[in-house]
Structure formats: structure tokens, C-alpha cells
C-alpha atoms as a PDB file:
ATOM      1  CA  UNK A   1      98.164 110.752  68.900  1.00  0.00           C
ATOM      2  CA  UNK A   2      95.834 108.753  71.126  1.00  0.00           C
ATOM      3  CA  UNK A   3      96.390 108.652  74.874  1.00  0.00           C
ATOM      4  CA  UNK A   4      96.718 105.247  76.537  1.00  0.00           C
ATOM      5  CA  UNK A   5      96.684 104.346  80.233  1.00  0.00           C
ATOM      6  CA  UNK A   6      98.212 101.047  81.342  1.00  0.00           C
ATOM      7  CA  UNK A   7      97.597 100.183  84.982  1.00  0.00           C
ATOM      8  CA  UNK A   8     100.342  98.106  86.521  1.00  0.00           C
ATOM      9  CA  UNK A   9     102.524  99.446  83.743  1.00  0.00           C
ATOM     10  CA  UNK A  10     105.729  99.119  85.733  1.00  0.00           C
ATOM     11  CA  UNK A  11     105.590  95.298  85.896  1.00  0.00           C
ATOM     12  CA  UNK A  12     106.848  92.755  83.373  1.00  0.00           C
ATOM     13  CA  UNK A  13     103.790  92.410  81.156  1.00  0.00           C
ATOM     14  CA  UNK A  14     102.665  95.980  81.787  1.00  0.00           C
ATOM     15  CA  UNK A  15     106.011  97.471  80.789  1.00  0.00           C
ATOM     16  CA  UNK A  16     106.046  95.450  77.561  1.00  0.00           C
ATOM     17  CA  UNK A  17     102.537  96.705  76.755  1.00  0.00           C
ATOM     18  CA  UNK A  18     103.601 100.299  77.432  1.00  0.00           C
ATOM     19  CA  UNK A  19     106.606  99.999  75.147  1.00  0.00           C
ATOM     20  CA  UNK A  20     104.545  98.437  72.362  1.00  0.00           C
ATOM     21  CA  UNK A  21     101.772 101.037  72.517  1.00  0.00           C
ATOM     22  CA  UNK A  22     104.354 103.818  72.495  1.00  0.00           C
ATOM     23  CA  UNK A  23     106.023 102.237  69.456  1.00  0.00           C
ATOM     24  CA  UNK A  24     102.625 102.375  67.750  1.00  0.00           C
ATOM     25  CA  UNK A  25     102.591 106.137  68.216  1.00  0.00           C
ATOM     26  CA  UNK A  26     100.424 106.548  71.293  1.00  0.00           C
ATOM     27  CA  UNK A  27     101.148 108.721  74.312  1.00  0.00           C
ATOM     28  CA  UNK A  28     101.385 106.190  77.122  1.00  0.00           C
ATOM     29  CA  UNK A  29     100.573 106.872  80.770  1.00  0.00           C
ATOM     30  CA  UNK A  30     102.531 104.309  82.770  1.00  0.00           C
ATOM     31  CA  UNK A  31     100.764 103.589  86.051  1.00  0.00           C
ATOM     32  CA  UNK A  32     102.243 102.182  89.225  1.00  0.00           C
ATOM     33  CA  UNK A  33     100.978 101.800  92.747  1.00  0.00           C
ATOM     34  CA  UNK A  34     104.027 102.225  94.989  1.00  0.00           C
ATOM     35  CA  UNK A  35     106.650 101.559  92.323  1.00  0.00           C
ATOM     36  CA  UNK A  36     106.772 105.025  90.785  1.00  0.00           C
ATOM     37  CA  UNK A  37     110.523 104.751  90.197  1.00  0.00           C
ATOM     38  CA  UNK A  38     109.952 101.653  88.055  1.00  0.00           C
ATOM     39  CA  UNK A  39     107.240 103.441  86.085  1.00  0.00           C
ATOM     40  CA  UNK A  40     109.572 106.385  85.538  1.00  0.00           C
ATOM     41  CA  UNK A  41     112.239 103.982  84.268  1.00  0.00           C
ATOM     42  CA  UNK A  42     109.761 102.606  81.723  1.00  0.00           C
ATOM     43  CA  UNK A  43     108.926 106.169  80.681  1.00  0.00           C
ATOM     44  CA  UNK A  44     112.617 107.015  80.295  1.00  0.00           C
ATOM     45  CA  UNK A  45     113.154 103.992  78.048  1.00  0.00           C
ATOM     46  CA  UNK A  46     110.160 104.929  75.904  1.00  0.00           C
ATOM     47  CA  UNK A  47     111.295 108.538  75.542  1.00  0.00           C
ATOM     48  CA  UNK A  48     114.854 107.427  74.742  1.00  0.00           C
ATOM     49  CA  UNK A  49     113.409 105.315  71.920  1.00  0.00           C
ATOM     50  CA  UNK A  50     111.579 108.338  70.533  1.00  0.00           C
ATOM     51  CA  UNK A  51     108.182 107.707  72.105  1.00  0.00           C
ATOM     52  CA  UNK A  52     105.887 109.769  74.296  1.00  0.00           C
ATOM     53  CA  UNK A  53     105.055 108.763  77.875  1.00  0.00           C
ATOM     54  CA  UNK A  54     104.522 109.918  81.435  1.00  0.00           C
ATOM     55  CA  UNK A  55     104.330 108.169  84.804  1.00  0.00           C
ATOM     56  CA  UNK A  56     101.583 108.288  87.391  1.00  0.00           C
ATOM     57  CA  UNK A  57     101.091 106.596  90.763  1.00  0.00           C
ATOM     58  CA  UNK A  58      97.895 105.801  92.633  1.00  0.00           C
ATOM     59  CA  UNK A  59      96.265 102.832  94.347  1.00  0.00           C
ATOM     60  CA  UNK A  60      93.481 101.479  92.133  1.00  0.00           C
ATOM     61  CA  UNK A  61      91.674 100.164  95.206  1.00  0.00           C
ATOM     62  CA  UNK A  62      91.348 103.667  96.667  1.00  0.00           C
ATOM     63  CA  UNK A  63      88.313 105.057  94.866  1.00  0.00           C
ATOM     64  CA  UNK A  64      88.680 108.713  95.831  1.00  0.00           C
ATOM     65  CA  UNK A  65      92.419 108.819  95.146  1.00  0.00           C
ATOM     66  CA  UNK A  66      91.934 107.080  91.801  1.00  0.00           C
ATOM     67  CA  UNK A  67      89.168 109.492  90.807  1.00  0.00           C
ATOM     68  CA  UNK A  68      91.356 112.464  91.682  1.00  0.00           C
ATOM     69  CA  UNK A  69      94.303 111.120  89.699  1.00  0.00           C
ATOM     70  CA  UNK A  70      92.140 110.376  86.670  1.00  0.00           C
ATOM     71  CA  UNK A  71      90.475 113.782  86.811  1.00  0.00           C
ATOM     72  CA  UNK A  72      93.898 115.380  86.576  1.00  0.00           C
ATOM     73  CA  UNK A  73      94.898 113.130  83.674  1.00  0.00           C
ATOM     74  CA  UNK A  74      91.676 113.940  81.819  1.00  0.00           C
ATOM     75  CA  UNK A  75      92.655 117.607  81.792  1.00  0.00           C
ATOM     76  CA  UNK A  76      94.929 116.606  78.938  1.00  0.00           C
ATOM     77  CA  UNK A  77      92.062 115.046  76.983  1.00  0.00           C
ATOM     78  CA  UNK A  78      90.197 111.758  76.850  1.00  0.00           C
ATOM     79  CA  UNK A  79      92.049 108.511  77.393  1.00  0.00           C
ATOM     80  CA  UNK A  80      90.955 106.389  74.443  1.00  0.00           C
ATOM     81  CA  UNK A  81      93.006 103.264  75.156  1.00  0.00           C
ATOM     82  CA  UNK A  82      92.774 101.681  78.586  1.00  0.00           C
ATOM     83  CA  UNK A  83      94.631  98.527  79.581  1.00  0.00           C
ATOM     84  CA  UNK A  84      93.585  97.253  83.002  1.00  0.00           C
ATOM     85  CA  UNK A  85      96.674  95.248  83.853  1.00  0.00           C
ATOM     86  CA  UNK A  86      96.978  95.818  87.609  1.00  0.00           C
ATOM     87  CA  UNK A  87      96.560  92.604  89.582  1.00  0.00           C
ATOM     88  CA  UNK A  88      98.010  90.716  92.525  1.00  0.00           C
ATOM     89  CA  UNK A  89      98.323  87.173  93.813  1.00  0.00           C
ATOM     90  CA  UNK A  90      97.672  86.065  97.384  1.00  0.00           C
ATOM     91  CA  UNK A  91      97.651  82.294  96.941  1.00  0.00           C
ATOM     92  CA  UNK A  92      96.460  79.777  99.513  1.00  0.00           C
ATOM     93  CA  UNK A  93      94.365  76.638  99.518  1.00  0.00           C
ATOM     94  CA  UNK A  94      90.788  77.685 100.154  1.00  0.00           C
ATOM     95  CA  UNK A  95      90.335  76.149 103.656  1.00  0.00           C
ATOM     96  CA  UNK A  96      93.370  78.113 104.791  1.00  0.00           C
ATOM     97  CA  UNK A  97      92.674  81.317 102.860  1.00  0.00           C
ATOM     98  CA  UNK A  98      92.292  84.411 105.013  1.00  0.00           C
ATOM     99  CA  UNK A  99      89.641  87.057 104.489  1.00  0.00           C
ATOM    100  CA  UNK A 100      92.472  89.474 103.781  1.00  0.00           C
ATOM    101  CA  UNK A 101      93.831  87.287 100.983  1.00  0.00           C
ATOM    102  CA  UNK A 102      90.377  87.041  99.438  1.00  0.00           C
ATOM    103  CA  UNK A 103      89.589  90.747  99.755  1.00  0.00           C
ATOM    104  CA  UNK A 104      92.927  92.048  98.481  1.00  0.00           C
ATOM    105  CA  UNK A 105      92.841  90.068  95.233  1.00  0.00           C
ATOM    106  CA  UNK A 106      89.197  90.856  94.515  1.00  0.00           C
ATOM    107  CA  UNK A 107      89.799  94.497  95.412  1.00  0.00           C
ATOM    108  CA  UNK A 108      92.608  95.054  92.902  1.00  0.00           C
ATOM    109  CA  UNK A 109      91.190  93.113  89.949  1.00  0.00           C
ATOM    110  CA  UNK A 110      87.460  93.764  90.288  1.00  0.00           C
ATOM    111  CA  UNK A 111      87.054  96.985  92.273  1.00  0.00           C
ATOM    112  CA  UNK A 112      90.169  98.351  90.587  1.00  0.00           C
ATOM    113  CA  UNK A 113      88.565  97.684  87.205  1.00  0.00           C
ATOM    114  CA  UNK A 114      85.527  99.723  88.244  1.00  0.00           C
ATOM    115  CA  UNK A 115      87.488 102.512  89.909  1.00  0.00           C
ATOM    116  CA  UNK A 116      89.659 103.099  86.844  1.00  0.00           C
ATOM    117  CA  UNK A 117      87.293 102.296  83.988  1.00  0.00           C
ATOM    118  CA  UNK A 118      84.084 103.984  85.085  1.00  0.00           C
ATOM    119  CA  UNK A 119      85.436 107.575  85.259  1.00  0.00           C
ATOM    120  CA  UNK A 120      87.094 107.183  81.838  1.00  0.00           C
ATOM    121  CA  UNK A 121      84.054 105.786  80.043  1.00  0.00           C
ATOM    122  CA  UNK A 122      82.008 108.931  79.394  1.00  0.00           C
ATOM    123  CA  UNK A 123      84.981 110.973  78.079  1.00  0.00           C
ATOM    124  CA  UNK A 124      85.807 108.025  75.832  1.00  0.00           C
ATOM    125  CA  UNK A 125      82.202 107.816  74.607  1.00  0.00           C
ATOM    126  CA  UNK A 126      82.304 111.487  73.634  1.00  0.00           C
ATOM    127  CA  UNK A 127      85.177 110.769  71.229  1.00  0.00           C
ATOM    128  CA  UNK A 128      83.210 107.893  69.612  1.00  0.00           C
ATOM    129  CA  UNK A 129      86.349 105.735  69.665  1.00  0.00           C
ATOM    130  CA  UNK A 130      87.933 103.614  72.359  1.00  0.00           C
ATOM    131  CA  UNK A 131      89.674 100.392  73.281  1.00  0.00           C
ATOM    132  CA  UNK A 132      89.447  98.749  76.693  1.00  0.00           C
ATOM    133  CA  UNK A 133      91.622  95.679  77.199  1.00  0.00           C
ATOM    134  CA  UNK A 134      91.458  93.843  80.508  1.00  0.00           C
ATOM    135  CA  UNK A 135      94.346  91.533  81.377  1.00  0.00           C
ATOM    136  CA  UNK A 136      93.008  88.325  82.841  1.00  0.00           C
ATOM    137  CA  UNK A 137      94.546  84.869  83.261  1.00  0.00           C
ATOM    138  CA  UNK A 138      94.169  81.274  82.229  1.00  0.00           C
ATOM    139  CA  UNK A 139      93.144  80.751  85.872  1.00  0.00           C
ATOM    140  CA  UNK A 140      89.953  82.677  85.157  1.00  0.00           C
ATOM    141  CA  UNK A 141      89.045  80.113  82.501  1.00  0.00           C
ATOM    142  CA  UNK A 142      90.169  76.818  84.009  1.00  0.00           C
ATOM    143  CA  UNK A 143      90.569  77.549  87.709  1.00  0.00           C
ATOM    144  CA  UNK A 144      93.747  76.685  89.588  1.00  0.00           C
ATOM    145  CA  UNK A 145      94.531  75.036  92.900  1.00  0.00           C
ATOM    146  CA  UNK A 146      95.412  77.573  95.527  1.00  0.00           C
ATOM    147  CA  UNK A 147      93.911  80.426  93.524  1.00  0.00           C
ATOM    148  CA  UNK A 148      90.192  80.436  94.238  1.00  0.00           C
ATOM    149  CA  UNK A 149      90.408  84.174  94.923  1.00  0.00           C
ATOM    150  CA  UNK A 150      92.440  84.945  91.801  1.00  0.00           C
ATOM    151  CA  UNK A 151      90.271  82.734  89.574  1.00  0.00           C
ATOM    152  CA  UNK A 152      87.120  84.359  90.965  1.00  0.00           C
ATOM    153  CA  UNK A 153      88.512  87.829  90.312  1.00  0.00           C
ATOM    154  CA  UNK A 154      89.500  87.073  86.739  1.00  0.00           C
ATOM    155  CA  UNK A 155      86.243  85.252  86.019  1.00  0.00           C
ATOM    156  CA  UNK A 156      84.352  88.313  87.226  1.00  0.00           C
ATOM    157  CA  UNK A 157      86.464  90.442  84.898  1.00  0.00           C
ATOM    158  CA  UNK A 158      85.434  88.242  81.965  1.00  0.00           C
ATOM    159  CA  UNK A 159      81.733  88.700  82.730  1.00  0.00           C
ATOM    160  CA  UNK A 160      82.068  92.437  83.334  1.00  0.00           C
ATOM    161  CA  UNK A 161      83.951  92.863  80.064  1.00  0.00           C
ATOM    162  CA  UNK A 162      81.269  91.074  78.072  1.00  0.00           C
ATOM    163  CA  UNK A 163      78.521  93.232  79.600  1.00  0.00           C
ATOM    164  CA  UNK A 164      80.439  96.464  79.098  1.00  0.00           C
ATOM    165  CA  UNK A 165      81.153  95.482  75.497  1.00  0.00           C
ATOM    166  CA  UNK A 166      77.412  95.292  74.878  1.00  0.00           C
ATOM    167  CA  UNK A 167      76.848  98.712  76.411  1.00  0.00           C
ATOM    168  CA  UNK A 168      79.592 100.416  74.413  1.00  0.00           C
ATOM    169  CA  UNK A 169      79.355  98.594  71.069  1.00  0.00           C
ATOM    170  CA  UNK A 170      77.337 101.333  69.360  1.00  0.00           C
ATOM    171  CA  UNK A 171      79.771 104.021  70.535  1.00  0.00           C
ATOM    172  CA  UNK A 172      82.824 102.823  68.620  1.00  0.00           C
ATOM    173  CA  UNK A 173      84.378 101.323  71.755  1.00  0.00           C
ATOM    174  CA  UNK A 174      85.521  97.725  72.086  1.00  0.00           C
ATOM    175  CA  UNK A 175      86.059  95.807  75.324  1.00  0.00           C
ATOM    176  CA  UNK A 176      88.063  92.588  75.424  1.00  0.00           C
ATOM    177  CA  UNK A 177      90.019  90.390  77.814  1.00  0.00           C
ATOM    178  CA  UNK A 178      93.440  88.892  77.213  1.00  0.00           C
ATOM    179  CA  UNK A 179      94.066  85.764  79.291  1.00  0.00           C
ATOM    180  CA  UNK A 180      97.772  84.871  79.467  1.00  0.00           C
ATOM    181  CA  UNK A 181      99.076  81.523  80.616  1.00  0.00           C
ATOM    182  CA  UNK A 182     102.625  81.128  81.963  1.00  0.00           C
ATOM    183  CA  UNK A 183     104.570  84.233  80.970  1.00  0.00           C
ATOM    184  CA  UNK A 184     108.262  84.802  81.712  1.00  0.00           C
ATOM    185  CA  UNK A 185     108.116  87.562  84.315  1.00  0.00           C
ATOM    186  CA  UNK A 186     109.366  88.035  87.862  1.00  0.00           C
ATOM    187  CA  UNK A 187     105.957  86.866  89.074  1.00  0.00           C
ATOM    188  CA  UNK A 188     106.599  83.265  87.965  1.00  0.00           C
ATOM    189  CA  UNK A 189     110.201  83.070  89.198  1.00  0.00           C
ATOM    190  CA  UNK A 190     110.354  80.252  91.707  1.00  0.00           C
ATOM    191  CA  UNK A 191     106.836  79.084  90.850  1.00  0.00           C
ATOM    192  CA  UNK A 192     107.704  77.096  87.721  1.00  0.00           C
ATOM    193  CA  UNK A 193     110.968  75.494  86.706  1.00  0.00           C
ATOM    194  CA  UNK A 194     111.798  74.491  83.154  1.00  0.00           C
ATOM    195  CA  UNK A 195     110.594  70.917  83.515  1.00  0.00           C
ATOM    196  CA  UNK A 196     107.287  71.983  85.048  1.00  0.00           C
ATOM    197  CA  UNK A 197     106.686  74.383  82.185  1.00  0.00           C
ATOM    198  CA  UNK A 198     107.375  71.643  79.632  1.00  0.00           C
ATOM    199  CA  UNK A 199     104.759  69.431  81.310  1.00  0.00           C
ATOM    200  CA  UNK A 200     102.136  72.168  81.570  1.00  0.00           C
ATOM    201  CA  UNK A 201     102.602  73.942  78.242  1.00  0.00           C
ATOM    202  CA  UNK A 202     102.362  72.005  74.971  1.00  0.00           C
ATOM    203  CA  UNK A 203     104.731  74.510  73.346  1.00  0.00           C
ATOM    204  CA  UNK A 204     107.176  73.623  76.136  1.00  0.00           C
ATOM    205  CA  UNK A 205     108.150  77.170  76.993  1.00  0.00           C
ATOM    206  CA  UNK A 206     106.900  80.199  78.842  1.00  0.00           C
ATOM    207  CA  UNK A 207     105.447  83.001  76.800  1.00  0.00           C
ATOM    208  CA  UNK A 208     107.244  86.324  76.527  1.00  0.00           C
ATOM    209  CA  UNK A 209     105.765  89.607  77.781  1.00  0.00           C
ATOM    210  CA  UNK A 210     106.285  91.035  74.304  1.00  0.00           C
ATOM    211  CA  UNK A 211     104.017  88.364  72.846  1.00  0.00           C
ATOM    212  CA  UNK A 212     101.220  89.442  75.185  1.00  0.00           C
ATOM    213  CA  UNK A 213     101.956  93.069  74.328  1.00  0.00           C
ATOM    214  CA  UNK A 214     101.617  92.366  70.603  1.00  0.00           C
ATOM    215  CA  UNK A 215      98.153  90.907  71.152  1.00  0.00           C
ATOM    216  CA  UNK A 216      97.084  93.837  73.317  1.00  0.00           C
ATOM    217  CA  UNK A 217      98.407  96.311  70.758  1.00  0.00           C
ATOM    218  CA  UNK A 218      96.393  94.610  68.015  1.00  0.00           C
ATOM    219  CA  UNK A 219      93.207  94.786  70.090  1.00  0.00           C
ATOM    220  CA  UNK A 220      93.943  98.474  70.736  1.00  0.00           C
ATOM    221  CA  UNK A 221      94.309  99.206  67.040  1.00  0.00           C
ATOM    222  CA  UNK A 222      91.948 100.198  64.225  1.00  0.00           C
ATOM    223  CA  UNK A 223      92.333  96.689  62.792  1.00  0.00           C
ATOM    224  CA  UNK A 224      90.427  95.196  65.733  1.00  0.00           C
ATOM    225  CA  UNK A 225      87.348  97.402  65.365  1.00  0.00           C
ATOM    226  CA  UNK A 226      84.979  94.409  64.994  1.00  0.00           C
ATOM    227  CA  UNK A 227      86.374  92.374  67.891  1.00  0.00           C
ATOM    228  CA  UNK A 228      84.584  93.001  71.175  1.00  0.00           C
ATOM    229  CA  UNK A 229      83.273  91.080  74.168  1.00  0.00           C
ATOM    230  CA  UNK A 230      85.924  88.372  73.733  1.00  0.00           C
ATOM    231  CA  UNK A 231      88.247  86.541  76.101  1.00  0.00           C
ATOM    232  CA  UNK A 232      91.358  85.756  74.052  1.00  0.00           C
ATOM    233  CA  UNK A 233      93.851  83.257  75.461  1.00  0.00           C
ATOM    234  CA  UNK A 234      97.593  83.369  74.910  1.00  0.00           C
ATOM    235  CA  UNK A 235      98.990  80.284  76.608  1.00  0.00           C
ATOM    236  CA  UNK A 236     100.969  78.044  74.243  1.00  0.00           C
ATOM    237  CA  UNK A 237      98.009  75.662  73.730  1.00  0.00           C
ATOM    238  CA  UNK A 238      97.474  74.947  77.438  1.00  0.00           C
ATOM    239  CA  UNK A 239      93.735  75.068  76.782  1.00  0.00           C
END
């Protein structure tokens, strides 16, 4: 049984990924920042379905706290599947964007990627097998009005993933990005109505978190051993 860590695992997409990885037979560590109760609810659902999971809470932007939490988790063995799903929005048109809005989004997506991934890399290398999947966004590929910070963060994640894939390719470890478009989660409630989605998405519907989870689970599997350094979109033909 491989051990998997999903950051932001208490949210809509994250929870679906956790459930899918658990269904595939992995022990899933469901991460939350302040929403530990939500992470524990995801764990309870997984265990009730016959899976194996545990919850953990730490702020991915706090390097020392993250390192301490990961050190404790590594006492149970290497984490061979890592899904960097934690991310936030702080939208504003660029002339009116505050330094705090810029810093917070970059901090979670980019610094959070480093803070979580770097301590797990060497233990993963020692096992000669690993899967790192970074959850990005269509905004990192096309840009989006009001999301210069978010697009910059996700674009940086694409470049970092490609470089890390090159470093780890000979060690049996793959690194990929999944870039969702409009997915039916609480995050898009109020942002897109049905008519707007039909105009933006050629398939004329929002994607489901489970559809993203299926793609992530494939990339985390043995079947995806020759796929690395890729940014894979799942957006209903938006681009």
C-alpha cells in the first residue's frame, strides 16, 4: 500500500482526489490548513467505504511548521504519491491589486509547492518510485482578467514541474501538472452561472471534481510511468 499526501484535501477537488486514491488502494493523508474538521470528515467517509486514510493540518506557507509536520509523517515511511492541490484566489484587476493579494497567492501555490515537495523528494528517491501531481489551472495557460497573481503562480508551477521532472526522470519518479478549467465546486459558486458556462465551455457544462480525480489517479498509477513533465488540461475543450 503506497502512501499518498493530498494538500488541500478537504476542498471540493481535493476531497474527490482523496476518495479516488483511497479507492485505488492507497493510504491517503488528507491535508487541510485550518479546516481540520473537513479533512476528518473526508477521512471518515474513506474509512467507511473500506479505505485507509488519516487527516493532518498545517499551513503550507509556514516552512518550519510544514517541515515538522512532514518529518512526523515520514516516520511512517516514504510518501510516494504527492498531489499539490492547495491553492487560493485573491482576485483583483492588476492596477488595484494589493501587495498582500499578490504575496498570498504566490505564497500558497509556489512557496507551498517548495515547502511540501522538497522534504519529500529524497525519501521518495530512495524508493525508486514516485508520482508528483501539481494541480494548476487553465488560467496558468491562457491568463485571465483579474487573476494576474493566480496566473503567475500557476505558470510558475508549470515551469517548476517540467524542471523537476527532468531531475527525477531517472529515479522512477514522474512529475506532471493537471490544469482544470471550470469545475463544479464551492469555489465557482457565484462566479459563473449556467449561461456563462455555456458560453465559455464548448461542452456547455462545468466539469465534475471526480473527473479531475480520475485524471490525477491515472497519473499516480503504474500505467502512467512514461508520462512526465506534462501540463494536462481538463476543461471541456475551452482551449
